[in-house]
Amino acid sequence: GCMSCAKGKFLQAHPFSYPLWAQPKDPIFNKEIKIVVADTCPHKGNEGWCPGKTGQGNKFGIKNHFDFTNPPAKYDNYYFVWSKIECPWRIKRRYKQLSRC
């Protein structure tokens, strides 16, 4: 939820039937990235991606969906494997000042 941080990597898979257009050696699949959860996934108007309630899956069966503000090159809704991490103090401070979560 809001005020959470994580790190993770994209997998060489997505929920669609068309083939991947990024290649296995492309940086998108080989670089760990850190993320900040800035808000919750708004179900209304985004029903396909955002579950209706906590613990439910979206239309692809996924319980978490991230919208990346600045996605890496060759991004195409690839699955993202992540683990929660402690947010840096400067992120916590900024979040407290700016967030409405």
N, C-alpha and C. Protein backbone atom coordinates (compact mmCIF):
# COMPACT_ATOMS: atom_id res chain seq x y z
N GLY A 1 0.81 -1.18 0.00
CA GLY A 1 0.00 0.00 0.00
C GLY A 1 0.86 1.25 0.00
N CYS A 2 0.21 2.34 0.24
CA CYS A 2 0.89 3.63 0.25
C CYS A 2 2.04 3.63 1.25
N MET A 3 3.07 4.37 0.92
CA MET A 3 4.28 4.52 1.73
C MET A 3 4.99 3.19 1.88
N SER A 4 5.08 2.46 0.79
CA SER A 4 5.84 1.22 0.75
C SER A 4 6.92 1.34 -0.31
N CYS A 5 8.00 0.64 -0.11
CA CYS A 5 9.08 0.60 -1.09
C CYS A 5 9.38 -0.87 -1.38
N ALA A 6 9.93 -1.11 -2.57
CA ALA A 6 10.26 -2.47 -2.96
C ALA A 6 11.41 -2.45 -3.95
N LYS A 7 11.98 -3.62 -4.17
CA LYS A 7 12.99 -3.80 -5.21
C LYS A 7 12.59 -5.04 -5.99
N GLY A 8 12.94 -5.07 -7.25
CA GLY A 8 12.57 -6.23 -8.04
C GLY A 8 13.14 -6.21 -9.45
N LYS A 9 12.74 -7.22 -10.22
CA LYS A 9 13.17 -7.37 -11.61
C LYS A 9 11.98 -7.81 -12.46
N PHE A 10 12.04 -7.43 -13.72
CA PHE A 10 11.03 -7.88 -14.67
C PHE A 10 11.36 -9.29 -15.15
N LEU A 11 10.32 -10.09 -15.34
CA LEU A 11 10.48 -11.45 -15.88
C LEU A 11 10.25 -11.43 -17.38
N GLN A 12 10.75 -12.42 -18.06
CA GLN A 12 10.58 -12.53 -19.50
C GLN A 12 9.23 -13.18 -19.82
N ALA A 13 8.16 -12.55 -19.34
CA ALA A 13 6.80 -13.06 -19.55
C ALA A 13 5.81 -11.93 -19.31
N HIS A 14 4.67 -12.00 -19.98
CA HIS A 14 3.57 -11.06 -19.75
C HIS A 14 2.25 -11.81 -19.93
N PRO A 15 1.13 -11.20 -19.55
CA PRO A 15 -0.15 -11.92 -19.58
C PRO A 15 -0.83 -11.98 -20.95
N PHE A 16 -0.16 -11.56 -21.99
CA PHE A 16 -0.79 -11.50 -23.31
C PHE A 16 -0.35 -12.66 -24.20
N SER A 17 -1.11 -12.90 -25.27
CA SER A 17 -0.80 -14.03 -26.16
C SER A 17 0.25 -13.70 -27.22
N TYR A 18 0.54 -12.43 -27.45
CA TYR A 18 1.55 -12.09 -28.45
C TYR A 18 2.96 -12.29 -27.89
N PRO A 19 3.95 -12.49 -28.76
CA PRO A 19 5.33 -12.76 -28.29
C PRO A 19 5.99 -11.53 -27.66
N LEU A 20 6.98 -11.80 -26.83
CA LEU A 20 7.78 -10.73 -26.22
C LEU A 20 8.56 -10.02 -27.31
N TRP A 21 8.64 -8.72 -27.22
CA TRP A 21 9.46 -8.01 -28.21
C TRP A 21 10.81 -7.61 -27.66
N ALA A 22 11.00 -7.68 -26.37
CA ALA A 22 12.33 -7.46 -25.78
C ALA A 22 13.08 -8.80 -25.80
N GLN A 23 14.35 -8.74 -25.94
CA GLN A 23 15.19 -9.94 -25.99
C GLN A 23 15.70 -10.30 -24.60
N PRO A 24 15.97 -11.58 -24.34
CA PRO A 24 16.42 -12.02 -23.01
C PRO A 24 17.61 -11.25 -22.45
N LYS A 25 18.50 -10.78 -23.29
CA LYS A 25 19.69 -10.07 -22.81
C LYS A 25 19.47 -8.56 -22.65
N ASP A 26 18.28 -8.07 -22.98
CA ASP A 26 18.00 -6.64 -22.83
C ASP A 26 18.05 -6.24 -21.35
N PRO A 27 18.50 -5.02 -21.08
CA PRO A 27 18.64 -4.55 -19.69
C PRO A 27 17.36 -4.66 -18.86
N ILE A 28 16.20 -4.56 -19.47
CA ILE A 28 14.95 -4.60 -18.70
C ILE A 28 14.83 -5.89 -17.88
N PHE A 29 15.41 -6.98 -18.36
CA PHE A 29 15.32 -8.26 -17.66
C PHE A 29 16.51 -8.54 -16.75
N ASN A 30 17.51 -7.70 -16.78
CA ASN A 30 18.74 -7.98 -16.05
C ASN A 30 19.12 -6.92 -15.02
N LYS A 31 18.25 -5.96 -14.80
CA LYS A 31 18.57 -4.87 -13.89
C LYS A 31 17.55 -4.83 -12.75
N GLU A 32 18.05 -4.79 -11.52
CA GLU A 32 17.17 -4.62 -10.37
C GLU A 32 16.77 -3.15 -10.27
N ILE A 33 15.50 -2.91 -10.04
CA ILE A 33 15.04 -1.54 -9.86
C ILE A 33 14.34 -1.40 -8.51
N LYS A 34 14.34 -0.20 -7.99
CA LYS A 34 13.66 0.09 -6.74
C LYS A 34 12.44 0.94 -7.06
N ILE A 35 11.34 0.68 -6.33
CA ILE A 35 10.11 1.41 -6.57
C ILE A 35 9.54 1.96 -5.27
N VAL A 36 8.73 3.00 -5.39
CA VAL A 36 7.98 3.57 -4.28
C VAL A 36 6.51 3.48 -4.66
N VAL A 37 5.70 2.93 -3.76
CA VAL A 37 4.25 2.86 -4.00
C VAL A 37 3.67 4.21 -3.58
N ALA A 38 3.17 4.94 -4.56
CA ALA A 38 2.69 6.30 -4.30
C ALA A 38 1.20 6.37 -4.01
N ASP A 39 0.44 5.40 -4.47
CA ASP A 39 -1.00 5.39 -4.22
C ASP A 39 -1.53 3.98 -4.43
N THR A 40 -2.83 3.81 -4.26
CA THR A 40 -3.44 2.51 -4.48
C THR A 40 -3.97 2.43 -5.90
N CYS A 41 -4.17 1.23 -6.37
CA CYS A 41 -4.66 0.99 -7.73
C CYS A 41 -6.16 1.31 -7.78
N PRO A 42 -6.59 2.32 -8.52
CA PRO A 42 -8.01 2.70 -8.56
C PRO A 42 -8.82 1.73 -9.42
N HIS A 43 -9.66 0.95 -8.79
CA HIS A 43 -10.45 -0.07 -9.50
C HIS A 43 -11.41 0.55 -10.52
N LYS A 44 -12.13 1.57 -10.11
CA LYS A 44 -13.10 2.20 -11.01
C LYS A 44 -12.39 2.84 -12.20
N GLY A 45 -12.76 2.41 -13.39
CA GLY A 45 -12.14 2.92 -14.61
C GLY A 45 -10.88 2.17 -15.00
N ASN A 46 -10.44 1.25 -14.17
CA ASN A 46 -9.22 0.50 -14.42
C ASN A 46 -9.42 -0.96 -13.99
N GLU A 47 -10.63 -1.46 -14.21
CA GLU A 47 -11.05 -2.76 -13.70
C GLU A 47 -10.18 -3.92 -14.18
N GLY A 48 -9.66 -3.84 -15.38
CA GLY A 48 -8.84 -4.93 -15.90
C GLY A 48 -7.54 -5.13 -15.14
N TRP A 49 -6.95 -4.04 -14.68
CA TRP A 49 -5.66 -4.11 -14.01
C TRP A 49 -5.75 -4.08 -12.50
N CYS A 50 -6.73 -3.36 -11.96
CA CYS A 50 -6.80 -3.15 -10.51
C CYS A 50 -7.86 -4.05 -9.87
N PRO A 51 -7.47 -4.89 -8.91
CA PRO A 51 -8.46 -5.71 -8.21
C PRO A 51 -9.50 -4.85 -7.49
N GLY A 52 -10.70 -5.39 -7.32
CA GLY A 52 -11.77 -4.66 -6.65
C GLY A 52 -11.52 -4.48 -5.17
N LYS A 53 -10.91 -5.48 -4.53
CA LYS A 53 -10.66 -5.43 -3.09
C LYS A 53 -9.30 -6.04 -2.79
N THR A 54 -8.73 -5.65 -1.66
CA THR A 54 -7.45 -6.21 -1.21
C THR A 54 -7.54 -7.73 -1.15
N GLY A 55 -6.54 -8.40 -1.68
CA GLY A 55 -6.51 -9.86 -1.65
C GLY A 55 -7.11 -10.50 -2.89
N GLN A 56 -7.86 -9.75 -3.68
CA GLN A 56 -8.42 -10.29 -4.93
C GLN A 56 -7.41 -10.13 -6.06
N GLY A 57 -7.60 -10.89 -7.12
CA GLY A 57 -6.75 -10.75 -8.30
C GLY A 57 -7.45 -9.92 -9.36
N ASN A 58 -6.67 -9.37 -10.29
CA ASN A 58 -7.25 -8.65 -11.42
C ASN A 58 -7.68 -9.66 -12.49
N LYS A 59 -8.02 -9.21 -13.69
CA LYS A 59 -8.51 -10.14 -14.71
C LYS A 59 -7.44 -11.13 -15.17
N PHE A 60 -6.18 -10.87 -14.83
CA PHE A 60 -5.09 -11.78 -15.16
C PHE A 60 -4.73 -12.68 -13.97
N GLY A 61 -5.44 -12.50 -12.85
CA GLY A 61 -5.18 -13.30 -11.65
C GLY A 61 -4.08 -12.73 -10.77
N ILE A 62 -3.62 -11.53 -11.07
CA ILE A 62 -2.52 -10.90 -10.34
C ILE A 62 -3.09 -10.01 -9.22
N LYS A 63 -2.53 -10.13 -8.02
CA LYS A 63 -3.03 -9.36 -6.88
C LYS A 63 -2.41 -7.98 -6.74
N ASN A 64 -1.30 -7.73 -7.38
CA ASN A 64 -0.63 -6.44 -7.31
C ASN A 64 -0.38 -5.92 -8.72
N HIS A 65 -0.64 -4.64 -8.92
CA HIS A 65 -0.38 -4.02 -10.21
C HIS A 65 0.35 -2.71 -9.97
N PHE A 66 1.44 -2.52 -10.68
CA PHE A 66 2.21 -1.28 -10.55
C PHE A 66 2.13 -0.51 -11.86
N ASP A 67 1.82 0.78 -11.78
CA ASP A 67 1.94 1.69 -12.92
C ASP A 67 3.27 2.40 -12.74
N PHE A 68 4.15 2.23 -13.70
CA PHE A 68 5.47 2.83 -13.60
C PHE A 68 5.45 4.22 -14.23
N THR A 69 5.82 5.23 -13.46
CA THR A 69 5.85 6.60 -13.96
C THR A 69 6.90 6.77 -15.05
N ASN A 70 8.00 6.10 -14.87
CA ASN A 70 9.12 6.19 -15.81
C ASN A 70 9.58 4.77 -16.14
N PRO A 71 8.79 4.04 -16.95
CA PRO A 71 9.15 2.64 -17.22
C PRO A 71 10.45 2.52 -18.02
N PRO A 72 11.16 1.43 -17.81
CA PRO A 72 12.41 1.23 -18.55
C PRO A 72 12.15 1.00 -20.04
N ALA A 73 13.18 1.15 -20.84
CA ALA A 73 13.08 0.90 -22.28
C ALA A 73 12.58 -0.51 -22.53
N LYS A 74 11.72 -0.67 -23.51
CA LYS A 74 11.15 -1.94 -23.96
C LYS A 74 10.15 -2.53 -22.96
N TYR A 75 9.60 -1.68 -22.10
CA TYR A 75 8.58 -2.13 -21.13
C TYR A 75 7.30 -2.51 -21.87
N ASP A 76 6.69 -3.62 -21.47
CA ASP A 76 5.44 -4.07 -22.08
C ASP A 76 4.61 -4.90 -21.09
N ASN A 77 4.34 -4.36 -19.94
CA ASN A 77 3.55 -5.07 -18.91
C ASN A 77 4.12 -6.44 -18.56
N TYR A 78 5.43 -6.54 -18.52
CA TYR A 78 6.07 -7.79 -18.11
C TYR A 78 5.79 -8.03 -16.63
N TYR A 79 5.74 -9.28 -16.24
CA TYR A 79 5.58 -9.59 -14.83
C TYR A 79 6.79 -9.05 -14.07
N PHE A 80 6.54 -8.62 -12.84
CA PHE A 80 7.57 -8.00 -12.00
C PHE A 80 7.63 -8.76 -10.68
N VAL A 81 8.77 -9.35 -10.39
CA VAL A 81 8.99 -10.08 -9.14
C VAL A 81 9.64 -9.12 -8.17
N TRP A 82 9.05 -8.96 -7.00
CA TRP A 82 9.53 -7.93 -6.08
C TRP A 82 9.49 -8.40 -4.64
N SER A 83 10.22 -7.67 -3.82
CA SER A 83 10.16 -7.88 -2.37
C SER A 83 10.18 -6.51 -1.71
N LYS A 84 9.45 -6.42 -0.61
CA LYS A 84 9.34 -5.16 0.12
C LYS A 84 10.66 -4.83 0.80
N ILE A 85 11.01 -3.55 0.79
CA ILE A 85 12.20 -3.07 1.48
C ILE A 85 11.82 -1.84 2.30
N GLU A 86 12.67 -1.47 3.22
CA GLU A 86 12.48 -0.25 4.00
C GLU A 86 12.70 0.96 3.09
N CYS A 87 11.82 1.93 3.15
CA CYS A 87 12.00 3.15 2.36
C CYS A 87 13.10 4.01 2.97
N PRO A 88 13.93 4.63 2.15
CA PRO A 88 14.96 5.53 2.65
C PRO A 88 14.31 6.70 3.41
N TRP A 89 15.00 7.28 4.38
CA TRP A 89 14.45 8.35 5.21
C TRP A 89 14.02 9.55 4.39
N ARG A 90 14.77 9.88 3.34
CA ARG A 90 14.40 11.05 2.53
C ARG A 90 13.09 10.83 1.77
N ILE A 91 12.83 9.58 1.39
CA ILE A 91 11.56 9.25 0.73
C ILE A 91 10.43 9.36 1.75
N LYS A 92 10.64 8.85 2.95
CA LYS A 92 9.62 8.94 4.01
C LYS A 92 9.27 10.39 4.32
N ARG A 93 10.30 11.22 4.42
CA ARG A 93 10.08 12.64 4.72
C ARG A 93 9.28 13.32 3.61
N ARG A 94 9.68 13.07 2.38
CA ARG A 94 8.98 13.68 1.24
C ARG A 94 7.55 13.17 1.15
N TYR A 95 7.37 11.91 1.37
CA TYR A 95 6.05 11.30 1.33
C TYR A 95 5.12 11.93 2.38
N LYS A 96 5.64 12.15 3.56
CA LYS A 96 4.85 12.74 4.64
C LYS A 96 4.40 14.14 4.26
N GLN A 97 5.24 14.88 3.54
CA GLN A 97 4.93 16.24 3.14
C GLN A 97 3.94 16.30 1.98
N LEU A 98 4.00 15.33 1.06
CA LEU A 98 3.24 15.44 -0.19
C LEU A 98 2.08 14.47 -0.36
N SER A 99 2.08 13.36 0.33
CA SER A 99 1.10 12.31 0.07
C SER A 99 -0.25 12.58 0.73
N ARG A 100 -1.29 12.08 0.07
CA ARG A 100 -2.64 12.16 0.62
C ARG A 100 -3.21 10.76 0.80
N CYS A 101 -2.36 9.76 0.87
CA CYS A 101 -2.83 8.39 1.05
C CYS A 101 -3.39 8.18 2.44
